[in-house]
């Protein structure tokens, strides 16, 4: 039976892709891409000629059943996002769930995920951590912030440059200005940077210069009473 291949793609440097991923993208019958223009840059770089079809958050709920049936009919299909591993704060979960429901084999290749290098270089405990992805924009946001404030594990949060300072300020209000944090931007790209310190210190850093790039916030957990 054919498979769904979940293929991670580089989060920055185009060299951050495995030989197995390149071979898979060459051999499958179809590549589902979050943005075909972005994926075309990667395919052209590695001289991969294959069919592309859009698969993003605005259409995936309408197409997953049809795609699953195509795999059952014998097509090997690869799923990629613009950067990183599909379904990790990117489209992909709905298709994977549909394939599981229909008994279709899924092969997820190991590869790039933005939060892993950010977590490793943070210097914060990473033996146990909580992945939050992007926080809710409005409804439920304060509830989530309050939950994070009480979390004893290190917390991973994705954020855009436009909301970074706002999110850091809200975390400071909820957790206290002295909570340790590490903020990484542009991971695996030319201007990669990580800033460590308290929430107060990091807020000041990004308040004096306009944040640019995609960000990963690594927030230290709440200390246990009496520790």
N, C-alpha and C. Protein backbone atom coordinates (compact mmCIF):
# COMPACT_ATOMS: atom_id res chain seq x y z
N UNK A 1 0.84 -1.20 0.00
CA UNK A 1 0.00 0.00 0.00
C UNK A 1 0.87 1.24 0.00
N UNK A 2 0.39 2.29 -0.65
CA UNK A 2 1.11 3.56 -0.69
C UNK A 2 1.08 4.22 0.69
N UNK A 3 1.87 5.28 0.87
CA UNK A 3 2.01 5.93 2.16
C UNK A 3 1.84 7.44 2.05
N UNK A 4 1.60 8.03 3.23
CA UNK A 4 1.76 9.48 3.40
C UNK A 4 3.13 9.68 4.03
N UNK A 5 3.98 10.48 3.38
CA UNK A 5 5.29 10.81 3.91
C UNK A 5 5.25 12.23 4.46
N UNK A 6 5.53 12.38 5.74
CA UNK A 6 5.60 13.71 6.36
C UNK A 6 7.08 14.10 6.35
N UNK A 7 7.40 15.15 5.61
CA UNK A 7 8.80 15.49 5.34
C UNK A 7 9.17 16.86 5.90
N UNK A 8 10.04 16.91 6.91
CA UNK A 8 10.50 18.20 7.42
C UNK A 8 11.37 18.91 6.39
N UNK A 9 11.27 20.23 6.35
CA UNK A 9 12.10 21.04 5.46
C UNK A 9 12.87 22.06 6.29
N UNK A 10 13.94 22.64 5.74
CA UNK A 10 14.77 23.55 6.52
C UNK A 10 13.99 24.74 7.10
N UNK A 11 14.36 25.13 8.32
CA UNK A 11 13.74 26.32 8.92
C UNK A 11 14.51 27.58 8.53
N UNK A 12 15.68 27.40 7.94
CA UNK A 12 16.48 28.54 7.51
C UNK A 12 17.43 28.14 6.40
N UNK A 13 18.59 27.67 6.78
CA UNK A 13 19.62 27.27 5.83
C UNK A 13 19.12 26.08 5.00
N UNK A 14 19.17 26.20 3.68
CA UNK A 14 18.67 25.14 2.80
C UNK A 14 19.47 23.85 2.91
N UNK A 15 20.65 23.90 3.53
CA UNK A 15 21.44 22.70 3.69
C UNK A 15 20.93 21.82 4.84
N UNK A 16 20.01 22.36 5.63
CA UNK A 16 19.49 21.61 6.78
C UNK A 16 18.35 20.68 6.36
N UNK A 17 18.67 19.75 5.48
CA UNK A 17 17.70 18.76 5.03
C UNK A 17 18.44 17.44 4.86
N UNK A 18 17.76 16.36 5.13
CA UNK A 18 18.43 15.06 5.06
C UNK A 18 18.45 14.50 3.64
N UNK A 19 19.40 13.61 3.40
CA UNK A 19 19.46 12.92 2.10
C UNK A 19 18.18 12.13 1.88
N UNK A 20 17.66 11.54 2.94
CA UNK A 20 16.43 10.76 2.84
C UNK A 20 15.25 11.63 2.43
N UNK A 21 15.19 12.86 2.96
CA UNK A 21 14.10 13.77 2.60
C UNK A 21 14.17 14.14 1.12
N UNK A 22 15.37 14.42 0.64
CA UNK A 22 15.55 14.77 -0.78
C UNK A 22 15.11 13.61 -1.66
N UNK A 23 15.55 12.39 -1.30
CA UNK A 23 15.15 11.22 -2.10
C UNK A 23 13.65 11.03 -2.09
N UNK A 24 13.03 11.21 -0.93
CA UNK A 24 11.58 11.03 -0.83
C UNK A 24 10.84 12.02 -1.71
N UNK A 25 11.28 13.28 -1.67
CA UNK A 25 10.61 14.31 -2.48
C UNK A 25 10.78 14.06 -3.97
N UNK A 26 11.83 13.37 -4.35
CA UNK A 26 12.03 13.02 -5.76
C UNK A 26 11.14 11.84 -6.17
N UNK A 27 10.91 10.91 -5.24
CA UNK A 27 10.28 9.64 -5.61
C UNK A 27 8.76 9.62 -5.48
N UNK A 28 8.18 10.46 -4.63
CA UNK A 28 6.73 10.40 -4.43
C UNK A 28 5.99 10.85 -5.69
N UNK A 29 4.71 10.53 -5.73
CA UNK A 29 3.88 10.90 -6.89
C UNK A 29 3.41 12.35 -6.82
N UNK A 30 3.34 12.89 -5.61
CA UNK A 30 2.81 14.25 -5.43
C UNK A 30 3.36 14.83 -4.13
N UNK A 31 3.62 16.15 -4.14
CA UNK A 31 4.05 16.86 -2.93
C UNK A 31 2.97 17.87 -2.55
N UNK A 32 2.47 17.76 -1.34
CA UNK A 32 1.52 18.75 -0.81
C UNK A 32 2.32 19.82 -0.10
N UNK A 33 2.12 21.08 -0.49
CA UNK A 33 2.93 22.18 0.04
C UNK A 33 2.05 23.26 0.65
N UNK A 34 2.50 23.77 1.78
CA UNK A 34 1.78 24.88 2.42
C UNK A 34 1.73 26.09 1.48
N UNK A 35 2.86 26.42 0.87
CA UNK A 35 2.94 27.47 -0.15
C UNK A 35 3.82 26.93 -1.27
N UNK A 36 3.24 26.72 -2.43
CA UNK A 36 3.98 26.10 -3.53
C UNK A 36 5.16 26.96 -3.97
N UNK A 37 5.04 28.28 -3.81
CA UNK A 37 6.16 29.15 -4.20
C UNK A 37 7.36 28.93 -3.28
N UNK A 38 7.11 28.83 -1.99
CA UNK A 38 8.20 28.60 -1.04
C UNK A 38 8.84 27.24 -1.27
N UNK A 39 8.02 26.21 -1.46
CA UNK A 39 8.56 24.87 -1.68
C UNK A 39 9.31 24.78 -3.00
N UNK A 40 8.87 25.53 -4.00
CA UNK A 40 9.56 25.52 -5.30
C UNK A 40 11.01 25.98 -5.18
N UNK A 41 11.27 26.92 -4.28
CA UNK A 41 12.65 27.39 -4.07
C UNK A 41 13.52 26.23 -3.60
N UNK A 42 13.00 25.45 -2.65
CA UNK A 42 13.74 24.30 -2.13
C UNK A 42 13.93 23.24 -3.22
N UNK A 43 12.86 22.94 -3.95
CA UNK A 43 12.95 21.91 -4.99
C UNK A 43 13.92 22.32 -6.09
N UNK A 44 13.88 23.57 -6.48
CA UNK A 44 14.80 24.05 -7.51
C UNK A 44 16.25 23.98 -7.04
N UNK A 45 16.47 24.27 -5.77
CA UNK A 45 17.83 24.24 -5.22
C UNK A 45 18.42 22.84 -5.33
N UNK A 46 17.58 21.81 -5.13
CA UNK A 46 18.05 20.42 -5.18
C UNK A 46 17.68 19.73 -6.48
N UNK A 47 17.27 20.50 -7.46
CA UNK A 47 16.95 19.99 -8.80
C UNK A 47 15.93 18.85 -8.73
N UNK A 48 14.90 19.08 -7.93
CA UNK A 48 13.82 18.10 -7.79
C UNK A 48 12.65 18.54 -8.67
N UNK A 49 12.27 17.70 -9.58
CA UNK A 49 11.13 17.99 -10.45
C UNK A 49 9.99 17.06 -10.07
N UNK A 50 8.93 17.64 -9.51
CA UNK A 50 7.79 16.83 -9.09
C UNK A 50 6.55 17.70 -9.05
N UNK A 51 5.42 17.05 -8.98
CA UNK A 51 4.15 17.77 -8.95
C UNK A 51 3.89 18.37 -7.58
N UNK A 52 3.37 19.59 -7.56
CA UNK A 52 3.03 20.27 -6.31
C UNK A 52 1.53 20.57 -6.26
N UNK A 53 1.00 20.51 -5.07
CA UNK A 53 -0.41 20.89 -4.84
C UNK A 53 -0.49 21.64 -3.51
N UNK A 54 -1.26 22.72 -3.49
CA UNK A 54 -1.40 23.51 -2.28
C UNK A 54 -2.15 22.74 -1.20
N UNK A 55 -1.64 22.82 0.01
CA UNK A 55 -2.30 22.20 1.16
C UNK A 55 -2.00 23.08 2.36
N UNK A 56 -2.95 23.93 2.72
CA UNK A 56 -2.72 24.91 3.79
C UNK A 56 -3.93 24.98 4.71
N UNK A 57 -3.83 25.82 5.73
CA UNK A 57 -4.86 25.86 6.77
C UNK A 57 -6.22 26.32 6.26
N UNK A 58 -6.24 26.96 5.10
CA UNK A 58 -7.51 27.46 4.57
C UNK A 58 -8.26 26.43 3.73
N UNK A 59 -7.56 25.38 3.28
CA UNK A 59 -8.25 24.39 2.46
C UNK A 59 -8.13 22.95 2.96
N UNK A 60 -7.28 22.71 3.98
CA UNK A 60 -7.00 21.32 4.36
C UNK A 60 -8.23 20.59 4.86
N UNK A 61 -9.14 21.29 5.55
CA UNK A 61 -10.32 20.59 6.08
C UNK A 61 -11.24 20.11 4.97
N UNK A 62 -11.11 20.71 3.77
CA UNK A 62 -11.96 20.32 2.65
C UNK A 62 -11.36 19.20 1.81
N UNK A 63 -10.04 19.01 1.91
CA UNK A 63 -9.36 18.12 0.97
C UNK A 63 -8.79 16.85 1.58
N UNK A 64 -8.76 16.75 2.91
CA UNK A 64 -8.06 15.61 3.52
C UNK A 64 -8.66 14.26 3.13
N UNK A 65 -9.97 14.19 3.03
CA UNK A 65 -10.59 12.91 2.68
C UNK A 65 -10.22 12.49 1.27
N UNK A 66 -10.23 13.45 0.35
CA UNK A 66 -9.87 13.16 -1.04
C UNK A 66 -8.41 12.72 -1.15
N UNK A 67 -7.53 13.39 -0.43
CA UNK A 67 -6.11 13.05 -0.47
C UNK A 67 -5.88 11.65 0.11
N UNK A 68 -6.54 11.36 1.21
CA UNK A 68 -6.41 10.04 1.81
C UNK A 68 -6.85 8.94 0.85
N UNK A 69 -7.93 9.21 0.11
CA UNK A 69 -8.41 8.22 -0.85
C UNK A 69 -7.42 8.03 -1.99
N UNK A 70 -6.73 9.09 -2.37
CA UNK A 70 -5.72 8.97 -3.43
C UNK A 70 -4.56 8.09 -2.97
N UNK A 71 -4.20 8.20 -1.69
CA UNK A 71 -3.14 7.34 -1.16
C UNK A 71 -3.62 5.89 -1.13
N UNK A 72 -4.85 5.68 -0.70
CA UNK A 72 -5.41 4.32 -0.68
C UNK A 72 -5.45 3.73 -2.09
N UNK A 73 -5.59 4.60 -3.08
CA UNK A 73 -5.66 4.13 -4.47
C UNK A 73 -4.28 3.85 -5.07
N UNK A 74 -3.22 4.18 -4.29
CA UNK A 74 -1.89 3.81 -4.76
C UNK A 74 -0.89 4.92 -4.96
N UNK A 75 -1.27 6.17 -4.67
CA UNK A 75 -0.33 7.28 -4.83
C UNK A 75 0.46 7.50 -3.54
N UNK A 76 1.78 7.56 -3.67
CA UNK A 76 2.62 7.98 -2.55
C UNK A 76 2.66 9.51 -2.53
N UNK A 77 2.31 10.09 -1.40
CA UNK A 77 2.19 11.55 -1.30
C UNK A 77 3.04 12.05 -0.15
N UNK A 78 3.78 13.13 -0.41
CA UNK A 78 4.60 13.77 0.62
C UNK A 78 3.93 15.06 1.07
N UNK A 79 4.01 15.33 2.35
CA UNK A 79 3.47 16.56 2.93
C UNK A 79 4.61 17.38 3.48
N UNK A 80 4.70 18.65 3.05
CA UNK A 80 5.71 19.57 3.59
C UNK A 80 5.03 20.87 4.00
N UNK A 81 5.67 21.58 4.92
CA UNK A 81 5.22 22.92 5.26
C UNK A 81 6.28 23.90 4.76
N UNK A 82 6.06 25.19 4.98
CA UNK A 82 7.04 26.17 4.50
C UNK A 82 8.40 25.98 5.16
N UNK A 83 8.39 25.58 6.43
CA UNK A 83 9.63 25.37 7.16
C UNK A 83 9.37 24.49 8.37
N UNK A 84 10.26 23.56 8.62
CA UNK A 84 10.12 22.71 9.79
C UNK A 84 9.30 21.46 9.51
N UNK A 85 8.80 20.88 10.58
CA UNK A 85 8.04 19.63 10.49
C UNK A 85 6.55 19.91 10.39
N UNK A 86 5.87 19.42 9.36
CA UNK A 86 4.42 19.62 9.24
C UNK A 86 3.68 19.14 10.49
N UNK A 87 2.59 19.83 10.79
CA UNK A 87 1.71 19.53 11.93
C UNK A 87 2.22 20.10 13.25
N UNK A 88 3.46 20.60 13.29
CA UNK A 88 3.96 21.28 14.49
C UNK A 88 3.75 22.78 14.27
N UNK A 89 2.60 23.29 14.73
CA UNK A 89 2.19 24.68 14.51
C UNK A 89 2.13 25.01 13.02
N UNK A 90 1.87 24.01 12.22
CA UNK A 90 1.71 24.15 10.76
C UNK A 90 0.63 23.17 10.32
N UNK A 91 0.09 23.34 9.10
CA UNK A 91 -0.91 22.38 8.60
C UNK A 91 -0.35 20.96 8.57
N UNK A 92 -1.23 19.98 8.73
CA UNK A 92 -0.80 18.59 8.64
C UNK A 92 -1.56 17.66 9.57
N UNK A 93 -1.96 18.16 10.73
CA UNK A 93 -2.63 17.29 11.70
C UNK A 93 -3.88 16.66 11.12
N UNK A 94 -4.71 17.43 10.42
CA UNK A 94 -5.97 16.91 9.92
C UNK A 94 -5.76 15.76 8.93
N UNK A 95 -4.74 15.91 8.07
CA UNK A 95 -4.47 14.86 7.09
C UNK A 95 -3.91 13.61 7.78
N UNK A 96 -3.01 13.80 8.72
CA UNK A 96 -2.47 12.65 9.46
C UNK A 96 -3.59 11.92 10.19
N UNK A 97 -4.47 12.67 10.83
CA UNK A 97 -5.59 12.05 11.55
C UNK A 97 -6.50 11.27 10.61
N UNK A 98 -6.75 11.81 9.43
CA UNK A 98 -7.60 11.12 8.46
C UNK A 98 -6.95 9.83 7.98
N UNK A 99 -5.63 9.88 7.78
CA UNK A 99 -4.92 8.67 7.35
C UNK A 99 -4.93 7.61 8.44
N UNK A 100 -4.79 8.03 9.69
CA UNK A 100 -4.87 7.08 10.81
C UNK A 100 -6.25 6.43 10.84
N UNK A 101 -7.29 7.23 10.65
CA UNK A 101 -8.66 6.71 10.67
C UNK A 101 -8.91 5.69 9.58
N UNK A 102 -8.25 5.91 8.42
CA UNK A 102 -8.48 5.02 7.28
C UNK A 102 -7.46 3.88 7.21
N UNK A 103 -6.59 3.79 8.20
CA UNK A 103 -5.61 2.71 8.21
C UNK A 103 -4.50 2.88 7.20
N UNK A 104 -4.22 4.10 6.81
CA UNK A 104 -3.16 4.39 5.84
C UNK A 104 -1.83 4.55 6.57
N UNK A 105 -0.79 3.95 6.05
CA UNK A 105 0.52 4.03 6.69
C UNK A 105 1.09 5.44 6.57
N UNK A 106 1.68 5.91 7.65
CA UNK A 106 2.29 7.25 7.69
C UNK A 106 3.75 7.09 8.06
N UNK A 107 4.61 7.73 7.30
CA UNK A 107 6.04 7.70 7.59
C UNK A 107 6.51 9.13 7.81
N UNK A 108 6.86 9.48 9.04
CA UNK A 108 7.34 10.82 9.35
C UNK A 108 8.86 10.80 9.45
N UNK A 109 9.51 11.54 8.57
CA UNK A 109 10.96 11.60 8.57
C UNK A 109 11.44 12.53 9.70
N UNK A 110 12.55 12.21 10.35
CA UNK A 110 13.11 13.14 11.33
C UNK A 110 13.73 14.33 10.61
N UNK A 111 13.73 15.46 11.28
CA UNK A 111 14.32 16.63 10.63
C UNK A 111 14.08 17.90 11.41
N UNK A 112 14.18 19.01 10.71
CA UNK A 112 14.19 20.33 11.34
C UNK A 112 12.88 20.66 12.05
N UNK A 113 13.03 21.20 13.26
CA UNK A 113 11.93 21.78 14.03
C UNK A 113 12.52 22.96 14.80
N UNK A 114 11.94 24.13 14.65
CA UNK A 114 12.56 25.35 15.15
C UNK A 114 12.80 25.34 16.65
N UNK A 115 11.88 24.73 17.42
CA UNK A 115 12.02 24.89 18.87
C UNK A 115 13.17 24.07 19.47
N UNK A 116 13.61 23.00 18.77
CA UNK A 116 14.65 22.15 19.36
C UNK A 116 15.96 22.91 19.55
N UNK A 117 16.54 23.54 18.52
CA UNK A 117 17.78 24.29 18.76
C UNK A 117 17.59 25.44 19.75
N UNK A 118 16.41 26.09 19.72
CA UNK A 118 16.15 27.19 20.66
C UNK A 118 16.14 26.68 22.09
N UNK A 119 15.55 25.52 22.30
CA UNK A 119 15.49 24.92 23.63
C UNK A 119 16.88 24.51 24.11
N UNK A 120 17.66 23.93 23.23
CA UNK A 120 18.99 23.45 23.60
C UNK A 120 19.91 24.60 24.00
N UNK A 121 19.89 25.71 23.23
CA UNK A 121 20.81 26.82 23.52
C UNK A 121 20.29 27.73 24.63
N UNK A 122 19.08 27.50 25.09
CA UNK A 122 18.51 28.38 26.12
C UNK A 122 19.23 28.28 27.45
N UNK A 123 19.82 27.12 27.72
CA UNK A 123 20.44 26.92 29.01
C UNK A 123 19.44 26.66 30.12
N UNK A 124 18.17 26.54 29.76
CA UNK A 124 17.11 26.24 30.73
C UNK A 124 16.85 24.74 30.74
N UNK A 125 16.32 24.21 31.84
CA UNK A 125 16.10 22.76 31.92
C UNK A 125 15.28 22.24 30.74
N UNK A 126 15.78 21.18 30.11
CA UNK A 126 15.07 20.63 28.94
C UNK A 126 14.80 19.14 29.06
N UNK A 127 14.99 18.60 30.29
CA UNK A 127 14.65 17.19 30.47
C UNK A 127 13.14 16.99 30.46
N UNK A 128 12.40 18.03 30.85
CA UNK A 128 10.94 18.04 30.76
C UNK A 128 10.53 19.43 30.32
N UNK A 129 9.68 19.52 29.31
CA UNK A 129 9.24 20.84 28.86
C UNK A 129 7.83 20.77 28.31
N UNK A 130 7.22 21.94 28.18
CA UNK A 130 5.84 22.07 27.70
C UNK A 130 5.83 22.89 26.42
N UNK A 131 5.29 22.32 25.34
CA UNK A 131 5.23 23.03 24.06
C UNK A 131 3.87 23.69 23.89
N UNK A 132 3.85 25.01 23.79
CA UNK A 132 2.60 25.76 23.63
C UNK A 132 2.35 26.22 22.20
N UNK A 133 3.39 26.27 21.37
CA UNK A 133 3.22 26.80 20.03
C UNK A 133 2.82 28.26 20.09
N UNK A 134 1.92 28.68 19.20
CA UNK A 134 1.42 30.05 19.22
C UNK A 134 0.28 30.17 20.24
N UNK A 135 0.32 31.20 21.07
CA UNK A 135 -0.73 31.42 22.04
C UNK A 135 -1.99 31.93 21.34
N UNK A 136 -3.16 31.73 21.91
CA UNK A 136 -4.39 32.26 21.31
C UNK A 136 -4.28 33.78 21.15
N UNK A 137 -4.78 34.30 20.05
CA UNK A 137 -4.69 35.74 19.81
C UNK A 137 -5.58 36.53 20.77
N UNK A 138 -6.78 36.01 21.04
CA UNK A 138 -7.72 36.72 21.90
C UNK A 138 -8.37 35.78 22.90
N UNK A 139 -9.38 35.04 22.46
CA UNK A 139 -10.15 34.19 23.35
C UNK A 139 -9.27 33.13 24.00
N UNK A 140 -9.29 33.10 25.32
CA UNK A 140 -8.53 32.10 26.05
C UNK A 140 -7.08 32.47 26.28
N UNK A 141 -6.64 33.62 25.80
CA UNK A 141 -5.22 34.00 25.92
C UNK A 141 -4.82 34.19 27.38
N UNK A 142 -5.60 34.95 28.14
CA UNK A 142 -5.24 35.21 29.52
C UNK A 142 -5.26 33.94 30.35
N UNK A 143 -6.21 33.07 30.07
CA UNK A 143 -6.25 31.78 30.78
C UNK A 143 -4.98 30.98 30.52
N UNK A 144 -4.53 30.98 29.26
CA UNK A 144 -3.31 30.25 28.91
C UNK A 144 -2.09 30.87 29.59
N UNK A 145 -2.03 32.20 29.64
CA UNK A 145 -0.92 32.88 30.30
C UNK A 145 -0.86 32.52 31.78
N UNK A 146 -2.03 32.47 32.40
CA UNK A 146 -2.08 32.12 33.82
C UNK A 146 -1.62 30.68 34.06
N UNK A 147 -1.98 29.79 33.14
CA UNK A 147 -1.54 28.39 33.26
C UNK A 147 -0.02 28.28 33.10
N UNK A 148 0.52 29.03 32.15
CA UNK A 148 1.97 29.02 31.92
C UNK A 148 2.70 29.53 33.16
N UNK A 149 2.14 30.54 33.82
CA UNK A 149 2.77 31.12 35.00
C UNK A 149 2.94 30.09 36.11
N UNK A 150 2.04 29.11 36.16
CA UNK A 150 2.09 28.09 37.20
C UNK A 150 2.84 26.83 36.78
N UNK A 151 3.24 26.76 35.53
CA UNK A 151 3.91 25.58 34.99
C UNK A 151 5.34 25.50 35.54
N UNK A 152 5.70 24.34 36.09
CA UNK A 152 7.03 24.15 36.64
C UNK A 152 8.04 23.69 35.58
N UNK A 153 7.55 23.19 34.46
CA UNK A 153 8.43 22.80 33.37
C UNK A 153 8.78 24.02 32.51
N UNK A 154 9.88 23.93 31.78
CA UNK A 154 10.22 24.95 30.79
C UNK A 154 9.14 24.98 29.72
N UNK A 155 8.76 26.17 29.29
CA UNK A 155 7.68 26.33 28.31
C UNK A 155 8.22 26.90 27.00
N UNK A 156 7.79 26.31 25.89
CA UNK A 156 8.20 26.74 24.54
C UNK A 156 7.02 27.46 23.87
N UNK A 157 7.28 28.65 23.36
CA UNK A 157 6.24 29.46 22.73
C UNK A 157 6.77 30.00 21.40
N UNK A 158 5.97 29.91 20.35
CA UNK A 158 6.30 30.54 19.07
C UNK A 158 5.66 31.93 19.03
N UNK A 159 6.35 32.89 18.39
CA UNK A 159 5.76 34.22 18.28
C UNK A 159 6.27 34.94 17.04
N UNK A 160 5.44 35.83 16.51
CA UNK A 160 5.82 36.65 15.36
C UNK A 160 6.49 37.93 15.86
N UNK A 161 7.23 38.62 14.99
CA UNK A 161 7.88 39.87 15.42
C UNK A 161 6.88 40.95 15.82
N UNK A 162 5.69 40.89 15.26
CA UNK A 162 4.70 41.94 15.52
C UNK A 162 4.08 41.85 16.91
N UNK A 163 4.08 40.65 17.49
CA UNK A 163 3.47 40.48 18.80
C UNK A 163 4.49 40.11 19.88
N UNK A 164 5.77 40.09 19.54
CA UNK A 164 6.78 39.60 20.48
C UNK A 164 6.79 40.39 21.78
N UNK A 165 6.94 41.71 21.69
CA UNK A 165 7.05 42.53 22.90
C UNK A 165 5.77 42.44 23.72
N UNK A 166 4.62 42.47 23.06
CA UNK A 166 3.35 42.34 23.77
C UNK A 166 3.29 41.03 24.55
N UNK A 167 3.69 39.95 23.92
CA UNK A 167 3.65 38.65 24.59
C UNK A 167 4.62 38.60 25.76
N UNK A 168 5.82 39.14 25.57
CA UNK A 168 6.80 39.15 26.66
C UNK A 168 6.30 39.97 27.85
N UNK A 169 5.67 41.10 27.56
CA UNK A 169 5.12 41.94 28.63
C UNK A 169 4.01 41.20 29.37
N UNK A 170 3.15 40.52 28.63
CA UNK A 170 2.07 39.77 29.26
C UNK A 170 2.62 38.61 30.09
N UNK A 171 3.67 37.97 29.62
CA UNK A 171 4.31 36.91 30.39
C UNK A 171 4.92 37.48 31.68
N UNK A 172 5.50 38.67 31.57
CA UNK A 172 6.07 39.32 32.75
C UNK A 172 5.00 39.65 33.77
N UNK A 173 3.85 40.13 33.29
CA UNK A 173 2.74 40.43 34.19
C UNK A 173 2.25 39.18 34.90
N UNK A 174 2.23 38.06 34.17
CA UNK A 174 1.70 36.82 34.72
C UNK A 174 2.72 36.07 35.57
N UNK A 175 3.99 36.11 35.17
CA UNK A 175 5.02 35.28 35.80
C UNK A 175 5.96 36.05 36.72
N UNK A 176 5.98 37.38 36.57
CA UNK A 176 6.95 38.18 37.30
C UNK A 176 8.11 38.56 36.41
N UNK A 177 8.63 39.76 36.60
CA UNK A 177 9.66 40.29 35.71
C UNK A 177 10.99 39.56 35.81
N UNK A 178 11.20 38.80 36.91
CA UNK A 178 12.48 38.12 37.10
C UNK A 178 12.52 36.70 36.55
N UNK A 179 11.42 36.22 35.98
CA UNK A 179 11.39 34.85 35.44
C UNK A 179 12.43 34.72 34.32
N UNK A 180 13.29 33.71 34.36
CA UNK A 180 14.31 33.55 33.31
C UNK A 180 13.70 33.17 31.96
N UNK A 181 14.29 33.71 30.91
CA UNK A 181 13.77 33.46 29.57
C UNK A 181 14.92 33.51 28.56
N UNK A 182 14.73 32.80 27.47
CA UNK A 182 15.67 32.84 26.35
C UNK A 182 14.84 33.05 25.08
N UNK A 183 15.23 34.01 24.27
CA UNK A 183 14.49 34.30 23.04
C UNK A 183 15.42 34.14 21.84
N UNK A 184 15.05 33.24 20.95
CA UNK A 184 15.85 33.00 19.74
C UNK A 184 15.09 33.48 18.51
N UNK A 185 15.82 34.03 17.56
CA UNK A 185 15.20 34.47 16.31
C UNK A 185 16.03 34.01 15.12
N UNK A 186 15.35 33.87 13.98
CA UNK A 186 16.01 33.55 12.71
C UNK A 186 16.91 32.32 12.83
N UNK A 187 16.39 31.28 13.46
CA UNK A 187 17.17 30.05 13.68
C UNK A 187 17.66 29.47 12.35
N UNK A 188 18.94 29.16 12.30
CA UNK A 188 19.59 28.56 11.14
C UNK A 188 19.73 29.52 9.96
N UNK A 189 19.50 30.81 10.22
CA UNK A 189 19.65 31.80 9.15
C UNK A 189 20.85 32.70 9.44
N UNK A 190 21.13 33.62 8.55
CA UNK A 190 22.34 34.45 8.63
C UNK A 190 22.36 35.29 9.91
N UNK A 191 21.22 35.82 10.31
CA UNK A 191 21.18 36.72 11.46
C UNK A 191 20.62 36.03 12.70
N UNK A 192 20.89 34.74 12.84
CA UNK A 192 20.44 34.01 14.01
C UNK A 192 20.98 34.66 15.29
N UNK A 193 20.09 34.75 16.29
CA UNK A 193 20.48 35.43 17.54
C UNK A 193 19.66 34.85 18.69
N UNK A 194 20.29 34.73 19.85
CA UNK A 194 19.61 34.31 21.06
C UNK A 194 19.97 35.26 22.19
N UNK A 195 18.96 35.72 22.90
CA UNK A 195 19.16 36.61 24.04
C UNK A 195 18.66 35.92 25.30
N UNK A 196 19.53 35.86 26.32
CA UNK A 196 19.18 35.23 27.59
C UNK A 196 19.04 36.30 28.67
N UNK A 197 18.21 36.02 29.65
CA UNK A 197 18.10 36.92 30.78
C UNK A 197 16.75 36.82 31.45
N UNK A 198 16.42 37.82 32.25
CA UNK A 198 15.10 37.88 32.87
C UNK A 198 14.11 38.43 31.85
N UNK A 199 12.82 38.25 32.13
CA UNK A 199 11.81 38.83 31.23
C UNK A 199 12.00 40.34 31.14
N UNK A 200 12.30 40.99 32.25
CA UNK A 200 12.50 42.44 32.24
C UNK A 200 13.65 42.82 31.31
N UNK A 201 14.76 42.10 31.40
CA UNK A 201 15.92 42.41 30.57
C UNK A 201 15.61 42.21 29.08
N UNK A 202 14.99 41.09 28.75
CA UNK A 202 14.72 40.78 27.35
C UNK A 202 13.70 41.76 26.76
N UNK A 203 12.70 42.15 27.56
CA UNK A 203 11.73 43.16 27.10
C UNK A 203 12.44 44.45 26.74
N UNK A 204 13.38 44.87 27.59
CA UNK A 204 14.14 46.10 27.32
C UNK A 204 14.95 45.98 26.04
N UNK A 205 15.54 44.79 25.82
CA UNK A 205 16.34 44.58 24.61
C UNK A 205 15.51 44.77 23.35
N UNK A 206 14.30 44.19 23.34
CA UNK A 206 13.48 44.25 22.13
C UNK A 206 12.61 45.50 22.07
N UNK A 207 12.60 46.29 23.13
CA UNK A 207 11.88 47.56 23.10
C UNK A 207 12.74 48.65 22.49
N UNK A 208 14.05 48.46 22.49
CA UNK A 208 14.96 49.47 21.95
C UNK A 208 15.30 49.23 20.48
N UNK A 209 14.99 48.04 19.98
CA UNK A 209 15.19 47.79 18.55
C UNK A 209 14.02 46.96 18.03
N UNK A 210 13.59 47.24 16.82
CA UNK A 210 12.42 46.58 16.25
C UNK A 210 12.69 45.09 16.05
N UNK A 211 11.84 44.23 16.62
CA UNK A 211 12.03 42.78 16.41
C UNK A 211 11.85 42.41 14.94
N UNK A 212 12.73 41.56 14.44
CA UNK A 212 12.63 41.08 13.07
C UNK A 212 12.86 39.58 13.04
N UNK A 213 12.12 38.87 12.20
CA UNK A 213 12.29 37.44 12.06
C UNK A 213 11.24 36.68 12.85
N UNK A 214 11.34 35.36 12.80
CA UNK A 214 10.44 34.50 13.55
C UNK A 214 11.10 34.13 14.88
N UNK A 215 10.30 34.10 15.95
CA UNK A 215 10.86 33.96 17.29
C UNK A 215 10.40 32.70 18.00
N UNK A 216 11.29 32.16 18.83
CA UNK A 216 10.96 31.09 19.76
C UNK A 216 11.30 31.59 21.16
N UNK A 217 10.30 31.60 22.03
CA UNK A 217 10.48 32.01 23.42
C UNK A 217 10.60 30.74 24.28
N UNK A 218 11.67 30.67 25.05
CA UNK A 218 11.86 29.56 25.99
C UNK A 218 11.79 30.15 27.40
N UNK A 219 10.73 29.83 28.10
CA UNK A 219 10.45 30.43 29.41
C UNK A 219 10.74 29.43 30.53
N UNK A 220 11.53 29.87 31.51
CA UNK A 220 11.81 29.02 32.66
C UNK A 220 10.55 28.72 33.45
N UNK A 221 10.52 27.56 34.08
CA UNK A 221 9.35 27.17 34.86
C UNK A 221 9.30 27.85 36.21
N UNK A 222 8.14 27.81 36.84
CA UNK A 222 7.97 28.36 38.19
C UNK A 222 8.72 27.49 39.19
N UNK A 223 9.46 28.14 40.05
CA UNK A 223 10.20 27.40 41.07
C UNK A 223 9.24 26.84 42.11
N UNK A 224 9.52 25.64 42.55
CA UNK A 224 8.68 25.04 43.56
C UNK A 224 8.86 25.77 44.89
N UNK A 225 7.79 25.98 45.63
CA UNK A 225 7.89 26.65 46.93
C UNK A 225 8.88 25.95 47.84
N UNK A 226 9.73 26.74 48.47
CA UNK A 226 10.70 26.18 49.40
C UNK A 226 11.96 25.64 48.78
N UNK A 227 12.04 25.71 47.43
CA UNK A 227 13.23 25.17 46.74
C UNK A 227 14.38 26.16 46.80
